[in-house]
Amino acid sequence: MRHKLVVAELAATCVATVMAIVTIAWPQWIELAFRIDPDHRGGAFELLITGLLIAVAVASAIAVRAQIRRGHAAANMGDAR
């Protein structure tokens, strides 16, 4: 069960990181994909999206690390018995 959770969290980290990089490199993808321009070419919306994607990537990476540490701790407790 933990393995599936780690894989899902790692996938979320990768997707958010890639999307943040894409948004930094090509901010107009949002306007092209969704056919909207919420900030009228101001760039504030793209900054918000990039910040949110980075926050998701960091949070997911922290969750992956915690799951891996819990797995190692559980394995070490099993070895001690």
C-alpha atoms as a PDB file:
ATOM      1  CA  MET A   1       0.000   0.000   0.000  1.00  0.00           C
ATOM      2  CA  ARG A   2       2.772   2.417   0.913  1.00  0.00           C
ATOM      3  CA  HIS A   3       4.518   1.705  -2.363  1.00  0.00           C
ATOM      4  CA  LYS A   4       1.497   2.897  -4.348  1.00  0.00           C
ATOM      5  CA  LEU A   5       1.311   6.062  -2.250  1.00  0.00           C
ATOM      6  CA  VAL A   6       4.995   6.811  -2.818  1.00  0.00           C
ATOM      7  CA  VAL A   7       4.589   6.272  -6.556  1.00  0.00           C
ATOM      8  CA  ALA A   8       1.542   8.589  -6.679  1.00  0.00           C
ATOM      9  CA  GLU A   9       3.316  11.295  -4.680  1.00  0.00           C
ATOM     10  CA  LEU A  10       6.427  10.968  -6.822  1.00  0.00           C
ATOM     11  CA  ALA A  11       4.304  11.258  -9.977  1.00  0.00           C
ATOM     12  CA  ALA A  12       2.662  14.412  -8.596  1.00  0.00           C
ATOM     13  CA  THR A  13       6.106  15.844  -7.870  1.00  0.00           C
ATOM     14  CA  CYS A  14       7.315  15.129 -11.397  1.00  0.00           C
ATOM     15  CA  VAL A  15       4.202  16.464 -13.131  1.00  0.00           C
ATOM     16  CA  ALA A  16       4.151  19.661 -11.048  1.00  0.00           C
ATOM     17  CA  THR A  17       7.868  20.233 -11.638  1.00  0.00           C
ATOM     18  CA  VAL A  18       7.571  19.734 -15.399  1.00  0.00           C
ATOM     19  CA  MET A  19       4.523  22.001 -15.605  1.00  0.00           C
ATOM     20  CA  ALA A  20       6.304  24.697 -13.568  1.00  0.00           C
ATOM     21  CA  ILE A  21       9.271  24.546 -15.952  1.00  0.00           C
ATOM     22  CA  VAL A  22       6.963  24.683 -18.972  1.00  0.00           C
ATOM     23  CA  THR A  23       5.125  27.682 -17.491  1.00  0.00           C
ATOM     24  CA  ILE A  24       8.407  29.500 -16.830  1.00  0.00           C
ATOM     25  CA  ALA A  25       9.742  28.734 -20.312  1.00  0.00           C
ATOM     26  CA  TRP A  26       6.474  29.303 -22.223  1.00  0.00           C
ATOM     27  CA  PRO A  27       3.949  31.268 -20.139  1.00  0.00           C
ATOM     28  CA  GLN A  28       1.494  31.658 -23.032  1.00  0.00           C
ATOM     29  CA  TRP A  29       0.549  27.974 -22.968  1.00  0.00           C
ATOM     30  CA  ILE A  30      -2.251  28.762 -20.519  1.00  0.00           C
ATOM     31  CA  GLU A  31      -3.886  31.268 -22.867  1.00  0.00           C
ATOM     32  CA  LEU A  32      -3.516  28.901 -25.822  1.00  0.00           C
ATOM     33  CA  ALA A  33      -4.736  25.778 -24.037  1.00  0.00           C
ATOM     34  CA  PHE A  34      -7.733  27.296 -22.255  1.00  0.00           C
ATOM     35  CA  ARG A  35      -8.459  30.174 -24.656  1.00  0.00           C
ATOM     36  CA  ILE A  36      -8.592  32.691 -21.815  1.00  0.00           C
ATOM     37  CA  ASP A  37      -6.416  35.621 -20.820  1.00  0.00           C
ATOM     38  CA  PRO A  38      -7.299  36.373 -17.200  1.00  0.00           C
ATOM     39  CA  ASP A  39      -4.570  38.949 -16.623  1.00  0.00           C
ATOM     40  CA  HIS A  40      -4.665  40.560 -20.102  1.00  0.00           C
ATOM     41  CA  ARG A  41      -1.024  39.721 -20.889  1.00  0.00           C
ATOM     42  CA  GLY A  42       0.145  41.055 -17.523  1.00  0.00           C
ATOM     43  CA  GLY A  43       1.891  37.856 -16.462  1.00  0.00           C
ATOM     44  CA  ALA A  44       0.503  37.808 -12.913  1.00  0.00           C
ATOM     45  CA  PHE A  45      -1.641  34.740 -13.570  1.00  0.00           C
ATOM     46  CA  GLU A  46       1.359  32.824 -14.913  1.00  0.00           C
ATOM     47  CA  LEU A  47       3.356  33.758 -11.803  1.00  0.00           C
ATOM     48  CA  LEU A  48       0.520  32.521  -9.614  1.00  0.00           C
ATOM     49  CA  ILE A  49       0.298  29.230 -11.504  1.00  0.00           C
ATOM     50  CA  THR A  50       4.073  28.775 -11.360  1.00  0.00           C
ATOM     51  CA  GLY A  51       4.103  29.449  -7.625  1.00  0.00           C
ATOM     52  CA  LEU A  52       1.295  26.978  -7.017  1.00  0.00           C
ATOM     53  CA  LEU A  53       3.006  24.318  -9.125  1.00  0.00           C
ATOM     54  CA  ILE A  54       6.266  24.790  -7.237  1.00  0.00           C
ATOM     55  CA  ALA A  55       4.395  24.566  -3.922  1.00  0.00           C
ATOM     56  CA  VAL A  56       2.734  21.306  -5.051  1.00  0.00           C
ATOM     57  CA  ALA A  57       6.094  19.908  -6.179  1.00  0.00           C
ATOM     58  CA  VAL A  58       7.779  20.760  -2.872  1.00  0.00           C
ATOM     59  CA  ALA A  59       4.886  19.417  -0.782  1.00  0.00           C
ATOM     60  CA  SER A  60       4.791  16.199  -2.798  1.00  0.00           C
ATOM     61  CA  ALA A  61       8.545  15.751  -2.497  1.00  0.00           C
ATOM     62  CA  ILE A  62       8.325  16.211   1.274  1.00  0.00           C
ATOM     63  CA  ALA A  63       5.507  13.649   1.410  1.00  0.00           C
ATOM     64  CA  VAL A  64       7.588  11.166  -0.608  1.00  0.00           C
ATOM     65  CA  ARG A  65      10.527  11.641   1.732  1.00  0.00           C
ATOM     66  CA  ALA A  66       8.303  11.114   4.781  1.00  0.00           C
ATOM     67  CA  GLN A  67       6.819   7.926   3.321  1.00  0.00           C
ATOM     68  CA  ILE A  68      10.259   6.548   2.498  1.00  0.00           C
ATOM     69  CA  ARG A  69      11.548   7.368   5.989  1.00  0.00           C
ATOM     70  CA  ARG A  70       8.509   5.680   7.560  1.00  0.00           C
ATOM     71  CA  GLY A  71       9.178   2.634   5.425  1.00  0.00           C
ATOM     72  CA  HIS A  72      12.820   2.504   6.494  1.00  0.00           C
ATOM     73  CA  ALA A  73      11.871   3.003  10.151  1.00  0.00           C
ATOM     74  CA  ALA A  74       9.304   0.199   9.956  1.00  0.00           C
ATOM     75  CA  ALA A  75      11.858  -2.084   8.291  1.00  0.00           C
ATOM     76  CA  ASN A  76      14.452  -1.302  10.974  1.00  0.00           C
ATOM     77  CA  MET A  77      11.926  -1.994  13.767  1.00  0.00           C
ATOM     78  CA  GLY A  78      11.198  -5.337  12.143  1.00  0.00           C
ATOM     79  CA  ASP A  79      14.911  -6.202  12.086  1.00  0.00           C
ATOM     80  CA  ALA A  80      15.292  -5.427  15.792  1.00  0.00           C
ATOM     81  CA  ARG A  81      12.644  -7.962  16.816  1.00  0.00           C
END
